[in-house]
N, C-alpha and C. Protein backbone atom coordinates (compact mmCIF):
# COMPACT_ATOMS: atom_id res chain seq x y z
N MET A 1 70.12 96.58 110.30
CA MET A 1 70.95 95.71 109.91
C MET A 1 70.78 95.14 108.67
N SER A 2 71.93 95.22 107.94
CA SER A 2 71.58 94.86 106.38
C SER A 2 72.10 93.34 105.99
N ASP A 3 71.81 92.96 104.90
CA ASP A 3 72.16 91.65 104.57
C ASP A 3 73.60 91.45 104.32
N PRO A 4 74.20 90.65 105.13
CA PRO A 4 75.71 90.63 104.79
C PRO A 4 76.37 90.69 103.47
N PHE A 5 75.49 89.67 102.64
CA PHE A 5 75.92 89.34 101.33
C PHE A 5 75.74 90.54 100.36
N GLN A 6 74.77 91.19 100.68
CA GLN A 6 74.65 92.63 99.95
C GLN A 6 75.53 93.31 100.33
N VAL A 7 75.86 93.59 101.48
CA VAL A 7 77.02 94.40 101.87
C VAL A 7 78.32 94.14 101.16
N LEU A 8 78.70 92.80 101.28
CA LEU A 8 79.97 92.53 100.58
C LEU A 8 79.97 92.63 99.08
N GLU A 9 78.81 92.55 98.40
CA GLU A 9 78.49 92.72 97.07
C GLU A 9 78.73 94.26 96.52
N HIS A 10 78.01 95.05 97.27
CA HIS A 10 78.43 96.49 97.34
C HIS A 10 79.65 97.00 97.45
N GLU A 11 80.35 96.44 98.58
CA GLU A 11 81.84 96.80 98.63
C GLU A 11 82.65 96.13 97.64
N HIS A 12 82.27 95.01 96.92
CA HIS A 12 83.00 94.55 95.83
C HIS A 12 82.86 95.40 94.54
N ARG A 13 81.44 96.08 94.46
CA ARG A 13 81.40 96.89 93.24
C ARG A 13 82.34 98.14 93.34
N LEU A 14 82.54 98.67 94.81
CA LEU A 14 83.38 99.88 94.94
C LEU A 14 84.83 99.36 94.58
N ILE A 15 85.30 98.15 94.93
CA ILE A 15 86.61 97.81 94.80
C ILE A 15 86.85 97.42 93.09
N SER A 16 85.65 97.15 92.63
CA SER A 16 85.83 97.06 91.06
C SER A 16 86.07 98.43 90.53
N LYS A 17 85.55 99.28 90.94
CA LYS A 17 85.58 100.58 90.48
C LYS A 17 86.90 101.48 90.51
N VAL A 18 87.48 101.21 91.41
CA VAL A 18 88.99 101.35 91.81
C VAL A 18 89.78 100.78 90.98
N LEU A 19 89.53 99.39 90.76
CA LEU A 19 90.42 98.57 90.06
C LEU A 19 90.36 98.84 88.46
N ASP A 20 89.15 99.39 87.98
CA ASP A 20 88.77 100.00 86.58
C ASP A 20 89.56 101.27 86.48
N ALA A 21 89.41 102.38 87.53
CA ALA A 21 90.49 103.40 87.53
C ALA A 21 91.87 103.08 87.47
N LEU A 22 92.21 102.10 88.24
CA LEU A 22 93.67 101.95 88.09
C LEU A 22 94.26 101.43 86.77
N ALA A 23 93.05 100.57 85.86
CA ALA A 23 93.71 100.07 84.61
C ALA A 23 93.47 101.07 83.67
N GLN A 24 92.55 102.02 83.85
CA GLN A 24 92.54 103.67 83.07
C GLN A 24 93.70 104.21 83.37
N ALA A 25 94.17 104.44 84.44
CA ALA A 25 95.19 105.23 84.99
C ALA A 25 96.68 104.71 84.24
N VAL A 26 96.84 103.28 84.08
CA VAL A 26 97.78 102.75 83.38
C VAL A 26 97.93 103.28 82.06
N GLU A 27 96.79 103.00 81.33
CA GLU A 27 96.53 103.56 80.04
C GLU A 27 96.82 104.88 79.88
N ARG A 28 96.52 105.86 80.80
CA ARG A 28 96.70 107.17 80.39
C ARG A 28 97.99 107.77 81.00
N GLU A 29 98.78 107.02 81.43
CA GLU A 29 100.11 107.15 82.24
C GLU A 29 99.82 108.33 83.34
N LEU A 30 98.84 108.12 84.02
CA LEU A 30 98.80 109.28 85.36
C LEU A 30 99.79 109.34 86.21
N PRO A 31 99.95 110.30 87.08
CA PRO A 31 101.12 110.53 88.08
C PRO A 31 100.95 109.58 88.94
N VAL A 32 102.33 109.32 89.65
CA VAL A 32 102.42 108.63 90.67
C VAL A 32 101.70 108.71 91.90
N SER A 33 101.20 110.24 92.34
CA SER A 33 100.28 110.55 93.10
C SER A 33 98.83 109.66 93.25
N PHE A 34 98.46 109.57 91.82
CA PHE A 34 97.26 108.66 91.73
C PHE A 34 97.24 107.52 92.29
N TYR A 35 98.41 106.47 92.07
CA TYR A 35 98.55 105.38 92.16
C TYR A 35 98.63 105.39 93.94
N GLU A 36 99.42 106.31 94.38
CA GLU A 36 99.40 106.37 96.06
C GLU A 36 98.12 106.32 96.62
N ARG A 37 97.13 107.26 95.97
CA ARG A 37 95.93 107.38 96.60
C ARG A 37 94.97 106.17 96.41
N ALA A 38 95.30 105.61 95.39
CA ALA A 38 94.52 104.46 94.86
C ALA A 38 94.73 103.11 95.85
N VAL A 39 96.07 103.34 95.79
CA VAL A 39 96.69 102.14 96.77
C VAL A 39 96.21 102.16 98.22
N GLU A 40 96.51 103.60 98.70
CA GLU A 40 95.79 103.89 100.20
C GLU A 40 94.42 103.26 100.31
N TRP A 41 93.66 103.53 99.08
CA TRP A 41 92.26 103.00 99.53
C TRP A 41 91.93 101.75 99.46
N LEU A 42 92.80 101.01 98.71
CA LEU A 42 92.63 99.57 98.67
C LEU A 42 93.10 98.95 100.00
N ASP A 43 94.23 99.54 100.49
CA ASP A 43 94.88 99.29 101.77
C ASP A 43 93.78 99.22 103.07
N ILE A 44 93.25 100.60 102.97
CA ILE A 44 92.34 100.82 104.21
C ILE A 44 91.02 100.27 104.07
N TYR A 45 90.32 100.35 102.78
CA TYR A 45 89.29 100.23 102.66
C TYR A 45 88.84 98.57 102.19
N ALA A 46 89.51 98.11 101.19
CA ALA A 46 89.47 96.79 100.68
C ALA A 46 90.07 95.72 101.91
N THR A 47 91.50 96.14 101.92
CA THR A 47 92.25 94.98 102.84
C THR A 47 91.87 95.02 104.05
N GLN A 48 91.95 96.32 104.74
CA GLN A 48 91.58 96.24 106.28
C GLN A 48 89.94 96.07 106.72
N PHE A 49 89.40 97.02 105.95
CA PHE A 49 87.86 96.99 106.45
C PHE A 49 86.92 96.02 105.77
N HIS A 50 87.00 95.91 104.52
CA HIS A 50 86.39 94.63 103.84
C HIS A 50 86.58 93.16 104.11
N HIS A 51 88.07 93.11 104.01
CA HIS A 51 88.46 91.53 104.29
C HIS A 51 88.43 91.33 105.62
N ALA A 52 88.34 92.36 106.71
CA ALA A 52 87.93 91.79 108.15
C ALA A 52 86.75 91.42 108.25
N LYS A 53 85.75 91.82 107.42
CA LYS A 53 84.23 91.07 107.48
C LYS A 53 84.36 89.76 106.68
N GLU A 54 85.25 89.46 105.72
CA GLU A 54 84.96 88.37 105.22
C GLU A 54 85.80 87.40 105.86
N GLU A 55 87.23 87.61 106.28
CA GLU A 55 88.02 86.73 106.95
C GLU A 55 87.73 86.47 108.50
N ASP A 56 87.40 87.48 109.00
CA ASP A 56 87.29 87.43 110.56
C ASP A 56 85.67 87.06 111.00
N ILE A 57 84.67 86.99 110.14
CA ILE A 57 83.36 86.69 110.24
C ILE A 57 82.76 85.60 109.46
N LEU A 58 82.55 86.28 108.30
CA LEU A 58 81.91 85.14 107.23
C LEU A 58 82.46 84.00 107.00
N TYR A 59 83.77 83.96 106.85
CA TYR A 59 84.59 82.67 106.31
C TYR A 59 84.65 81.94 107.60
N ARG A 60 84.82 82.37 108.97
CA ARG A 60 84.84 81.70 109.85
C ARG A 60 83.59 80.86 109.96
N TYR A 61 82.35 81.27 109.93
CA TYR A 61 81.26 80.77 109.69
C TYR A 61 81.01 79.66 108.52
N LEU A 62 81.46 79.90 107.65
CA LEU A 62 81.81 78.88 106.52
C LEU A 62 82.62 77.79 106.83
N MET A 63 83.57 77.81 107.51
CA MET A 63 84.54 76.96 108.02
C MET A 63 83.80 76.10 109.16
N ASP A 64 83.07 76.67 110.04
CA ASP A 64 82.28 76.01 111.10
C ASP A 64 81.23 74.95 110.41
N HIS A 65 80.74 75.33 109.16
CA HIS A 65 79.93 74.49 108.38
C HIS A 65 80.62 73.57 107.70
N GLY A 66 82.15 73.46 107.81
CA GLY A 66 82.80 72.27 107.09
C GLY A 66 83.58 72.72 105.89
N MET A 67 83.37 74.04 105.39
CA MET A 67 84.15 74.46 104.27
C MET A 67 85.62 74.72 104.59
N PRO A 68 86.60 73.81 103.95
CA PRO A 68 88.12 73.83 104.15
C PRO A 68 88.70 75.18 103.97
N ARG A 69 89.40 75.64 104.98
CA ARG A 69 90.30 76.70 104.85
C ARG A 69 91.44 76.65 103.65
N ASP A 70 91.97 75.48 103.71
CA ASP A 70 93.13 75.35 102.79
C ASP A 70 92.98 75.08 101.52
N TYR A 71 91.81 74.55 101.24
CA TYR A 71 91.86 74.26 99.74
C TYR A 71 90.19 74.72 99.47
N GLY A 72 90.16 74.33 98.05
CA GLY A 72 88.74 74.96 97.60
C GLY A 72 88.33 76.29 97.39
N PRO A 73 87.52 76.63 97.21
CA PRO A 73 87.03 77.91 97.08
C PRO A 73 87.68 78.91 98.23
N LEU A 74 87.37 78.58 99.53
CA LEU A 74 87.90 79.35 100.25
C LEU A 74 89.32 79.65 100.55
N GLY A 75 90.16 78.41 100.23
CA GLY A 75 91.49 78.26 100.32
C GLY A 75 92.14 79.28 99.18
N VAL A 76 91.22 79.43 97.83
CA VAL A 76 91.82 80.10 96.86
C VAL A 76 91.63 81.46 97.15
N VAL A 77 90.65 82.01 97.84
CA VAL A 77 90.33 83.38 97.98
C VAL A 77 91.15 83.84 99.10
N LEU A 78 91.51 83.10 100.06
CA LEU A 78 92.33 83.63 101.14
C LEU A 78 93.60 83.62 100.59
N GLU A 79 94.13 82.56 99.78
CA GLU A 79 95.54 82.71 99.16
C GLU A 79 95.46 84.26 98.37
N GLU A 80 94.50 84.46 97.65
CA GLU A 80 94.48 85.63 96.85
C GLU A 80 94.54 87.07 97.61
N HIS A 81 93.89 86.93 98.88
CA HIS A 81 93.93 87.98 99.79
C HIS A 81 95.53 88.38 100.26
N ASP A 82 96.11 86.95 100.32
CA ASP A 82 97.69 87.33 100.65
C ASP A 82 98.45 87.92 99.67
N TYR A 83 98.20 87.43 98.60
CA TYR A 83 98.78 87.83 97.32
C TYR A 83 98.61 89.44 97.09
N GLY A 84 97.21 89.76 97.24
CA GLY A 84 96.85 91.15 97.16
C GLY A 84 97.51 91.85 98.18
N ASP A 85 97.76 91.59 99.54
CA ASP A 85 98.52 92.15 100.32
C ASP A 85 99.84 92.44 99.95
N ALA A 86 100.40 91.47 99.37
CA ALA A 86 101.97 91.59 98.90
C ALA A 86 101.97 92.54 97.83
N TYR A 87 101.01 92.52 96.76
CA TYR A 87 101.00 93.63 95.91
C TYR A 87 100.69 94.94 96.23
N ILE A 88 100.05 95.05 97.36
CA ILE A 88 99.91 96.77 98.08
C ILE A 88 101.24 97.01 98.71
N VAL A 89 102.01 96.05 99.29
CA VAL A 89 103.32 96.57 99.81
C VAL A 89 104.12 96.81 98.63
N ALA A 90 104.34 96.14 97.75
CA ALA A 90 105.06 96.24 96.69
C ALA A 90 104.68 97.59 95.86
N MET A 91 103.43 97.71 95.59
CA MET A 91 103.13 98.96 94.74
C MET A 91 103.25 100.38 95.70
N ARG A 92 103.33 100.42 96.97
CA ARG A 92 103.71 101.53 97.84
C ARG A 92 105.17 101.56 97.60
N LYS A 93 105.87 100.61 97.70
CA LYS A 93 107.25 100.63 97.71
C LYS A 93 107.78 101.61 96.28
N HIS A 94 107.24 100.73 95.34
CA HIS A 94 107.57 101.20 93.93
C HIS A 94 107.01 102.62 93.69
N ALA A 95 106.15 103.13 94.25
CA ALA A 95 105.66 104.37 94.00
C ALA A 95 106.51 105.31 94.89
N ALA A 96 106.95 104.89 96.15
CA ALA A 96 107.85 105.64 96.99
C ALA A 96 109.29 105.95 96.27
N ASP A 97 109.55 104.90 95.78
CA ASP A 97 111.02 104.51 94.87
C ASP A 97 110.95 105.39 93.76
N GLN A 98 109.53 105.73 93.27
CA GLN A 98 109.21 106.18 91.75
C GLN A 98 109.89 105.21 90.58
N ASP A 99 109.67 104.12 91.05
CA ASP A 99 110.08 102.98 90.17
C ASP A 99 108.88 102.89 89.22
N ILE A 100 108.43 103.59 88.32
CA ILE A 100 107.38 103.44 87.50
C ILE A 100 107.16 102.17 86.86
N PRO A 101 108.25 101.64 86.04
CA PRO A 101 107.83 100.51 85.23
C PRO A 101 107.59 99.39 86.16
N ALA A 102 108.18 99.12 87.56
CA ALA A 102 107.66 98.04 88.29
C ALA A 102 106.46 98.38 89.04
N LEU A 103 106.11 99.63 89.37
CA LEU A 103 104.72 100.05 89.91
C LEU A 103 103.42 99.57 88.81
N LEU A 104 103.91 100.19 87.57
CA LEU A 104 102.59 99.65 86.53
C LEU A 104 102.88 98.32 86.37
N GLU A 105 103.83 97.62 86.41
CA GLU A 105 103.64 96.06 86.10
C GLU A 105 102.92 95.42 87.36
N ASP A 106 103.05 95.76 88.79
CA ASP A 106 102.36 95.41 89.70
C ASP A 106 100.90 96.00 89.62
N VAL A 107 100.73 96.99 89.24
CA VAL A 107 99.40 97.57 89.01
C VAL A 107 98.42 96.50 88.26
N ARG A 108 99.14 96.48 87.08
CA ARG A 108 98.51 95.50 86.09
C ARG A 108 98.23 94.08 86.76
N ALA A 109 99.24 93.58 87.53
CA ALA A 109 99.11 92.22 87.97
C ALA A 109 97.79 92.41 88.84
N TYR A 110 98.09 93.34 89.92
CA TYR A 110 96.92 93.23 91.01
C TYR A 110 95.70 93.53 90.29
N VAL A 111 95.50 94.31 89.46
CA VAL A 111 94.00 94.64 88.73
C VAL A 111 93.43 93.27 88.25
N GLU A 112 94.24 92.46 87.64
CA GLU A 112 94.03 91.19 86.91
C GLU A 112 93.75 90.25 88.25
N LEU A 113 94.45 90.23 89.04
CA LEU A 113 94.08 89.40 90.27
C LEU A 113 92.81 89.43 90.85
N LEU A 114 92.77 90.69 91.28
CA LEU A 114 91.47 91.19 92.13
C LEU A 114 90.29 91.07 91.26
N LYS A 115 90.32 91.57 90.06
CA LYS A 115 89.01 91.32 89.16
C LYS A 115 88.55 89.77 89.45
N ALA A 116 89.55 88.89 89.00
CA ALA A 116 89.05 87.43 88.87
C ALA A 116 88.65 87.10 90.40
N HIS A 117 89.28 87.65 91.57
CA HIS A 117 88.96 87.32 92.83
C HIS A 117 87.70 87.68 93.31
N VAL A 118 87.25 88.90 92.84
CA VAL A 118 85.81 89.52 93.09
C VAL A 118 84.68 88.65 92.33
N GLU A 119 85.04 88.22 91.05
CA GLU A 119 84.14 87.38 90.39
C GLU A 119 84.25 86.03 91.13
N THR A 120 85.07 85.29 91.55
CA THR A 120 85.16 83.89 92.37
C THR A 120 84.13 84.45 93.67
N GLU A 121 84.36 85.18 94.19
CA GLU A 121 83.50 85.62 95.60
C GLU A 121 82.03 85.57 95.25
N ASP A 122 81.88 86.55 94.46
CA ASP A 122 80.49 87.00 94.01
C ASP A 122 79.63 85.85 93.26
N ASP A 123 80.22 85.00 92.20
CA ASP A 123 79.66 83.93 91.72
C ASP A 123 79.91 82.57 92.28
N LEU A 124 80.79 82.49 93.11
CA LEU A 124 80.73 81.26 93.80
C LEU A 124 80.64 81.23 95.27
N LEU A 125 81.61 81.74 96.02
CA LEU A 125 81.79 81.91 97.59
C LEU A 125 80.41 82.39 98.02
N LEU A 126 80.06 83.55 97.74
CA LEU A 126 78.75 84.05 98.41
C LEU A 126 77.49 83.10 98.32
N PRO A 127 77.39 82.77 96.96
CA PRO A 127 76.07 82.16 96.99
C PRO A 127 76.12 80.80 97.85
N MET A 128 77.51 80.07 97.93
CA MET A 128 77.74 78.95 98.81
C MET A 128 77.20 79.43 100.08
N GLY A 129 77.83 80.53 100.63
CA GLY A 129 77.59 80.94 102.02
C GLY A 129 75.97 81.16 102.28
N ARG A 130 75.63 81.73 101.20
CA ARG A 130 74.04 82.06 101.65
C ARG A 130 73.44 80.87 101.61
N ALA A 131 73.61 79.77 100.93
CA ALA A 131 72.66 78.42 100.87
C ALA A 131 73.28 77.50 102.22
N MET A 132 74.57 77.88 102.71
CA MET A 132 75.06 77.02 103.72
C MET A 132 74.61 77.64 105.05
N LEU A 133 74.38 78.81 105.37
CA LEU A 133 73.99 79.57 106.55
C LEU A 133 72.47 79.53 106.72
N THR A 134 72.22 79.41 108.01
CA THR A 134 70.72 79.76 108.38
C THR A 134 70.36 81.02 108.34
N ALA A 135 69.24 81.43 108.36
CA ALA A 135 68.43 82.77 108.66
C ALA A 135 69.10 83.43 109.76
N GLU A 136 69.10 82.44 110.97
CA GLU A 136 69.60 83.05 112.08
C GLU A 136 71.34 83.32 112.18
N GLU A 137 71.77 82.41 111.47
CA GLU A 137 73.57 82.53 111.19
C GLU A 137 73.65 83.90 110.51
N ILE A 138 72.73 84.10 109.31
CA ILE A 138 72.60 85.24 108.53
C ILE A 138 72.84 86.45 109.28
N ALA A 139 71.58 86.56 110.09
CA ALA A 139 71.56 87.66 111.12
C ALA A 139 72.70 87.77 112.20
N GLU A 140 73.22 86.78 112.34
CA GLU A 140 74.50 86.77 113.27
C GLU A 140 75.43 87.49 112.66
N VAL A 141 75.75 87.11 111.25
CA VAL A 141 76.96 87.74 110.48
C VAL A 141 76.50 89.16 110.45
N ALA A 142 75.44 89.36 110.13
CA ALA A 142 74.84 90.90 109.89
C ALA A 142 75.45 91.71 110.95
N ALA A 143 75.05 91.25 112.34
CA ALA A 143 75.23 91.98 113.28
C ALA A 143 76.75 92.28 113.73
N LEU A 144 77.73 91.03 113.54
CA LEU A 144 78.88 91.27 113.56
C LEU A 144 79.64 92.23 112.44
N PHE A 145 78.93 92.17 111.29
CA PHE A 145 79.37 93.20 110.49
C PHE A 145 79.02 94.80 110.50
N ASP A 146 77.89 94.81 111.37
CA ASP A 146 77.67 96.03 111.91
C ASP A 146 78.49 96.43 113.00
N ALA A 147 79.04 95.63 113.68
CA ALA A 147 80.07 96.12 114.84
C ALA A 147 81.41 96.11 114.18
N VAL A 148 81.76 95.98 113.10
CA VAL A 148 83.15 96.47 112.46
C VAL A 148 83.51 97.76 112.47
N PRO A 149 84.32 98.37 112.91
CA PRO A 149 84.83 99.56 113.12
C PRO A 149 84.81 100.17 111.54
N ASP A 150 83.99 101.40 111.41
CA ASP A 150 84.54 101.98 109.94
C ASP A 150 85.85 102.37 109.91
N PRO A 151 86.16 102.58 108.80
CA PRO A 151 87.71 103.16 108.51
C PRO A 151 87.59 104.56 108.79
N GLU A 152 88.64 105.35 109.39
CA GLU A 152 88.91 106.49 109.55
C GLU A 152 88.84 107.25 108.31
N PRO A 153 88.45 108.65 108.20
CA PRO A 153 87.59 109.30 109.11
C PRO A 153 86.05 108.65 108.95
N SER A 154 85.61 108.22 107.76
CA SER A 154 84.40 107.58 107.78
C SER A 154 83.84 106.84 106.46
N VAL A 155 83.03 105.96 106.38
CA VAL A 155 82.98 105.01 104.98
C VAL A 155 82.45 106.15 103.99
N ASP A 156 81.75 107.22 104.51
CA ASP A 156 81.33 107.97 103.42
C ASP A 156 82.54 108.86 102.67
N VAL A 157 83.59 109.06 103.51
CA VAL A 157 84.77 109.61 102.95
C VAL A 157 85.63 108.67 101.82
N TRP A 158 85.36 107.40 102.46
CA TRP A 158 86.08 106.65 101.51
C TRP A 158 85.44 106.13 100.03
N GLU A 159 84.14 106.07 100.40
CA GLU A 159 83.05 105.88 99.13
C GLU A 159 83.26 106.99 98.20
N THR A 160 83.56 108.27 98.81
CA THR A 160 83.73 109.55 97.92
C THR A 160 84.72 109.36 97.17
N MET A 161 85.92 108.85 97.78
CA MET A 161 87.06 108.79 97.11
C MET A 161 87.01 108.03 96.17
N VAL A 162 86.36 106.92 96.04
CA VAL A 162 85.89 106.01 94.97
C VAL A 162 85.62 107.08 93.68
N GLU A 163 84.53 107.87 93.69
CA GLU A 163 84.36 108.62 92.67
C GLU A 163 85.29 109.45 92.17
N GLN A 164 86.09 110.19 93.09
CA GLN A 164 87.08 111.00 92.77
C GLN A 164 88.09 110.14 91.90
N LEU A 165 88.54 109.13 92.20
CA LEU A 165 89.62 108.11 91.62
C LEU A 165 89.00 107.90 90.39
N VAL A 166 87.72 107.70 90.13
CA VAL A 166 87.08 107.06 88.83
C VAL A 166 87.32 108.27 87.93
N ALA A 167 86.84 109.55 88.51
CA ALA A 167 86.84 110.71 87.48
C ALA A 167 88.26 110.99 87.25
N GLU A 168 89.19 110.96 88.02
CA GLU A 168 90.31 111.53 87.65
C GLU A 168 91.24 110.61 86.86
N ALA A 169 90.59 109.28 86.73
CA ALA A 169 91.28 108.34 85.70
C ALA A 169 90.50 108.38 84.47
N GLY A 170 89.59 109.38 84.40
CA GLY A 170 88.65 109.40 83.29
C GLY A 170 87.50 108.56 82.96
N GLY A 171 87.26 107.93 83.87
CA GLY A 171 86.12 106.77 83.60
C GLY A 171 84.86 107.29 84.08
N LYS A 172 83.96 106.65 84.29
CA LYS A 172 82.52 107.01 84.75
C LYS A 172 82.32 106.09 86.25
N ALA A 173 81.54 106.78 87.24
CA ALA A 173 81.23 106.14 88.47
C ALA A 173 80.14 105.31 88.36
């Protein structure tokens, strides 16, 4: 059983690498196929797998401790998750339609949003959560994280894909 806060921070590092790769891809004018793979990664790994741990587990514990859902840091990050989801849908559509200007505009906006979002979670929300929860509750959260199904085909495949995206974008992993 791993520390759930470290698990989320590790996942944030992976998400940040993909965001950096997207930013580099925009500068290098990579083909649409790159964006399609990056958006798929963000949708499956970040939105479905990672956000499930945050929204369905950790944030519920924080709300049980009195952290409001609709305003304050939790309200902000949940709203950013919704904005990010909308960008994922829009980027998929723009890629499918080969609307490159709209795709690149949304990629830039998404990268900016998510970079600030990860910083808010790492620097504010996760430390607040660690301070609010007892050791027993942290162990409960860790057990619940362990029960979250891995994305298909496996976490390892998705984490390897990060390195591939970074390399293709011309960056360092």
